[in-house]
């Protein structure tokens, strides 16, 4: 998750804090950010770049499997030589 999204979530959390506690705004926002980052880090999420790279690898693998399947069909269709 990108930093701007974390900042936005921290701001939204801060807005839910009662006005009497908002005097400690800086500390609360820093704590919210810290908790959000720690929680997201434990989720072991892939970045968009990592996901896209794996999607490309999967597509190439599918193409190779299709080619190999076609080759196997072709070989199986040939008359057997003894």
N, C-alpha and C. Protein backbone atom coordinates (compact mmCIF):
# COMPACT_ATOMS: atom_id res chain seq x y z
N UNK A 1 0.87 -1.17 0.00
CA UNK A 1 0.00 0.00 0.00
C UNK A 1 0.91 1.22 0.00
N UNK A 2 0.58 2.21 -0.81
CA UNK A 2 1.46 3.36 -0.91
C UNK A 2 1.31 4.31 0.27
N UNK A 3 2.32 5.15 0.43
CA UNK A 3 2.38 6.04 1.59
C UNK A 3 1.21 7.01 1.63
N UNK A 4 0.79 7.52 0.48
CA UNK A 4 -0.32 8.49 0.49
C UNK A 4 -1.61 7.84 0.98
N UNK A 5 -1.80 6.57 0.65
CA UNK A 5 -3.00 5.87 1.13
C UNK A 5 -2.94 5.66 2.64
N UNK A 6 -1.75 5.35 3.16
CA UNK A 6 -1.58 5.20 4.61
C UNK A 6 -1.84 6.53 5.30
N UNK A 7 -1.31 7.62 4.71
CA UNK A 7 -1.54 8.95 5.28
C UNK A 7 -3.03 9.27 5.32
N UNK A 8 -3.74 8.92 4.25
CA UNK A 8 -5.18 9.18 4.19
C UNK A 8 -5.92 8.37 5.26
N UNK A 9 -5.57 7.10 5.43
CA UNK A 9 -6.20 6.28 6.46
C UNK A 9 -5.91 6.83 7.86
N UNK A 10 -4.67 7.26 8.09
CA UNK A 10 -4.30 7.82 9.39
C UNK A 10 -5.11 9.09 9.66
N UNK A 11 -5.28 9.92 8.63
CA UNK A 11 -6.07 11.14 8.79
C UNK A 11 -7.52 10.82 9.11
N UNK A 12 -8.08 9.82 8.40
CA UNK A 12 -9.46 9.43 8.66
C UNK A 12 -9.63 8.88 10.08
N UNK A 13 -8.67 8.10 10.53
CA UNK A 13 -8.73 7.60 11.90
C UNK A 13 -8.67 8.76 12.90
N UNK A 14 -7.79 9.70 12.61
CA UNK A 14 -7.66 10.85 13.51
C UNK A 14 -8.97 11.63 13.60
N UNK A 15 -9.67 11.75 12.50
CA UNK A 15 -10.93 12.50 12.50
C UNK A 15 -12.00 11.83 13.36
N UNK A 16 -11.84 10.55 13.65
CA UNK A 16 -12.81 9.87 14.51
C UNK A 16 -12.52 10.08 15.99
N UNK A 17 -11.36 10.66 16.30
CA UNK A 17 -10.98 10.90 17.69
C UNK A 17 -11.78 12.09 18.23
N UNK A 18 -12.29 11.99 19.46
CA UNK A 18 -13.04 13.11 20.04
C UNK A 18 -12.19 14.39 20.08
N UNK A 19 -12.84 15.55 19.88
CA UNK A 19 -12.10 16.82 19.85
C UNK A 19 -11.24 17.07 21.08
N UNK A 20 -11.65 16.60 22.23
CA UNK A 20 -10.87 16.85 23.44
C UNK A 20 -9.50 16.18 23.37
N UNK A 21 -9.39 15.11 22.62
CA UNK A 21 -8.12 14.39 22.53
C UNK A 21 -7.26 14.85 21.35
N UNK A 22 -7.81 15.72 20.53
CA UNK A 22 -7.09 16.14 19.34
C UNK A 22 -5.89 17.02 19.62
N UNK A 23 -5.73 17.45 20.85
CA UNK A 23 -4.57 18.27 21.20
C UNK A 23 -3.28 17.50 20.97
N UNK A 24 -3.36 16.21 21.05
CA UNK A 24 -2.19 15.36 20.83
C UNK A 24 -2.16 14.86 19.38
N UNK A 25 -2.58 15.72 18.47
CA UNK A 25 -2.74 15.36 17.07
C UNK A 25 -1.49 14.72 16.47
N UNK A 26 -0.37 15.36 16.63
CA UNK A 26 0.85 14.85 16.00
C UNK A 26 1.18 13.44 16.49
N UNK A 27 1.11 13.24 17.80
CA UNK A 27 1.40 11.91 18.36
C UNK A 27 0.40 10.87 17.89
N UNK A 28 -0.88 11.24 17.87
CA UNK A 28 -1.90 10.30 17.44
C UNK A 28 -1.71 9.90 15.97
N UNK A 29 -1.46 10.87 15.11
CA UNK A 29 -1.27 10.57 13.70
C UNK A 29 -0.05 9.68 13.50
N UNK A 30 1.02 9.97 14.21
CA UNK A 30 2.23 9.14 14.10
C UNK A 30 1.94 7.71 14.57
N UNK A 31 1.20 7.59 15.66
CA UNK A 31 0.85 6.25 16.15
C UNK A 31 -0.07 5.52 15.18
N UNK A 32 -1.05 6.22 14.61
CA UNK A 32 -1.94 5.60 13.64
C UNK A 32 -1.13 5.09 12.45
N UNK A 33 -0.21 5.93 11.94
CA UNK A 33 0.62 5.52 10.81
C UNK A 33 1.43 4.27 11.15
N UNK A 34 2.03 4.29 12.32
CA UNK A 34 2.85 3.17 12.75
C UNK A 34 2.04 1.87 12.85
N UNK A 35 0.86 1.96 13.44
CA UNK A 35 0.01 0.78 13.58
C UNK A 35 -0.46 0.28 12.21
N UNK A 36 -0.82 1.20 11.33
CA UNK A 36 -1.26 0.81 9.99
C UNK A 36 -0.13 0.12 9.22
N UNK A 37 1.05 0.69 9.25
CA UNK A 37 2.19 0.09 8.54
C UNK A 37 2.52 -1.29 9.08
N UNK A 38 2.52 -1.43 10.40
CA UNK A 38 2.83 -2.72 11.02
C UNK A 38 1.76 -3.76 10.65
N UNK A 39 0.52 -3.36 10.69
CA UNK A 39 -0.56 -4.29 10.33
C UNK A 39 -0.50 -4.71 8.88
N UNK A 40 -0.23 -3.76 8.00
CA UNK A 40 -0.14 -4.08 6.58
C UNK A 40 1.09 -4.93 6.28
N UNK A 41 2.17 -4.71 6.98
CA UNK A 41 3.39 -5.49 6.76
C UNK A 41 3.15 -6.96 7.11
N UNK A 42 2.35 -7.23 8.12
CA UNK A 42 2.06 -8.61 8.52
C UNK A 42 1.19 -9.33 7.49
N UNK A 43 0.48 -8.59 6.66
CA UNK A 43 -0.40 -9.22 5.67
C UNK A 43 0.38 -9.87 4.53
N UNK A 44 1.65 -9.52 4.39
CA UNK A 44 2.50 -10.09 3.35
C UNK A 44 1.88 -9.91 1.97
N UNK A 45 1.51 -8.67 1.66
CA UNK A 45 0.89 -8.35 0.38
C UNK A 45 1.95 -8.16 -0.70
N UNK A 46 1.58 -8.51 -1.92
CA UNK A 46 2.47 -8.28 -3.06
C UNK A 46 2.23 -6.88 -3.60
N UNK A 47 3.29 -6.26 -4.09
CA UNK A 47 3.12 -4.95 -4.72
C UNK A 47 2.48 -5.16 -6.09
N UNK A 48 1.99 -4.10 -6.67
CA UNK A 48 1.37 -4.18 -8.00
C UNK A 48 2.41 -4.64 -9.02
N UNK A 49 3.64 -4.14 -8.91
CA UNK A 49 4.70 -4.55 -9.84
C UNK A 49 4.98 -6.04 -9.72
N UNK A 50 5.04 -6.56 -8.49
CA UNK A 50 5.27 -8.00 -8.29
C UNK A 50 4.12 -8.82 -8.87
N UNK A 51 2.90 -8.36 -8.65
CA UNK A 51 1.74 -9.04 -9.18
C UNK A 51 1.77 -9.07 -10.70
N UNK A 52 2.05 -7.92 -11.31
CA UNK A 52 2.10 -7.84 -12.77
C UNK A 52 3.19 -8.73 -13.35
N UNK A 53 4.35 -8.76 -12.68
CA UNK A 53 5.45 -9.62 -13.14
C UNK A 53 5.04 -11.08 -13.10
N UNK A 54 4.38 -11.49 -12.02
CA UNK A 54 3.94 -12.89 -11.91
C UNK A 54 2.84 -13.21 -12.93
N UNK A 55 2.00 -12.24 -13.24
CA UNK A 55 0.96 -12.45 -14.25
C UNK A 55 1.61 -12.68 -15.62
N UNK A 56 2.68 -11.94 -15.92
CA UNK A 56 3.39 -12.13 -17.19
C UNK A 56 4.05 -13.52 -17.24
N UNK A 57 4.66 -13.93 -16.13
CA UNK A 57 5.26 -15.26 -16.07
C UNK A 57 4.20 -16.33 -16.28
N UNK A 58 3.05 -16.18 -15.64
CA UNK A 58 1.97 -17.15 -15.80
C UNK A 58 1.49 -17.21 -17.24
N UNK A 59 1.37 -16.08 -17.89
CA UNK A 59 0.92 -16.06 -19.29
C UNK A 59 1.93 -16.79 -20.19
N UNK A 60 3.22 -16.54 -19.98
CA UNK A 60 4.25 -17.24 -20.78
C UNK A 60 4.19 -18.75 -20.51
N UNK A 61 3.98 -19.11 -19.26
CA UNK A 61 3.90 -20.54 -18.92
C UNK A 61 2.69 -21.18 -19.59
N UNK A 62 1.58 -20.50 -19.60
CA UNK A 62 0.38 -21.03 -20.28
C UNK A 62 0.65 -21.23 -21.76
N UNK A 63 1.32 -20.28 -22.38
CA UNK A 63 1.64 -20.40 -23.80
C UNK A 63 2.55 -21.61 -24.06
N UNK A 64 3.52 -21.80 -23.20
CA UNK A 64 4.42 -22.95 -23.34
C UNK A 64 3.67 -24.27 -23.17
N UNK A 65 2.77 -24.34 -22.21
CA UNK A 65 1.98 -25.55 -21.99
C UNK A 65 1.12 -25.84 -23.21
N UNK A 66 0.49 -24.82 -23.76
CA UNK A 66 -0.33 -25.00 -24.95
C UNK A 66 0.51 -25.52 -26.12
N UNK A 67 1.71 -24.97 -26.30
CA UNK A 67 2.59 -25.44 -27.37
C UNK A 67 3.00 -26.89 -27.15
N UNK A 68 3.33 -27.23 -25.91
CA UNK A 68 3.72 -28.60 -25.61
C UNK A 68 2.56 -29.58 -25.80
N UNK A 69 1.36 -29.16 -25.41
CA UNK A 69 0.19 -30.01 -25.61
C UNK A 69 -0.05 -30.26 -27.10
N UNK A 70 0.10 -29.21 -27.90
CA UNK A 70 -0.07 -29.36 -29.35
C UNK A 70 0.99 -30.31 -29.91
N UNK A 71 2.21 -30.19 -29.45
CA UNK A 71 3.29 -31.08 -29.92
C UNK A 71 3.02 -32.53 -29.51
N UNK A 72 2.54 -32.74 -28.30
CA UNK A 72 2.21 -34.10 -27.85
C UNK A 72 1.10 -34.69 -28.72
N UNK A 73 0.06 -33.90 -29.00
CA UNK A 73 -1.02 -34.38 -29.87
C UNK A 73 -0.48 -34.75 -31.24
N UNK A 74 0.42 -33.91 -31.74
CA UNK A 74 1.02 -34.17 -33.06
C UNK A 74 1.82 -35.48 -33.03
N UNK A 75 2.61 -35.69 -32.01
CA UNK A 75 3.42 -36.90 -31.91
C UNK A 75 2.55 -38.15 -31.72
N UNK A 76 1.49 -38.00 -30.95
CA UNK A 76 0.58 -39.12 -30.73
C UNK A 76 -0.17 -39.49 -31.99
N UNK A 77 -0.39 -38.54 -32.87
CA UNK A 77 -1.12 -38.79 -34.11
C UNK A 77 -0.25 -39.46 -35.17
N UNK A 78 1.05 -39.41 -35.01
CA UNK A 78 1.94 -40.04 -35.98
C UNK A 78 1.88 -41.56 -35.82
N UNK A 79 1.99 -42.26 -36.97
CA UNK A 79 2.01 -43.73 -36.87
C UNK A 79 3.22 -44.20 -36.08
N UNK A 80 3.03 -45.26 -35.34
CA UNK A 80 4.11 -45.79 -34.52
C UNK A 80 5.07 -46.55 -35.41
N UNK A 81 6.35 -46.35 -35.14
CA UNK A 81 7.40 -47.05 -35.87
C UNK A 81 8.00 -48.09 -34.95
N UNK A 82 8.17 -49.25 -35.44
CA UNK A 82 8.78 -50.31 -34.64
C UNK A 82 10.17 -50.59 -35.08
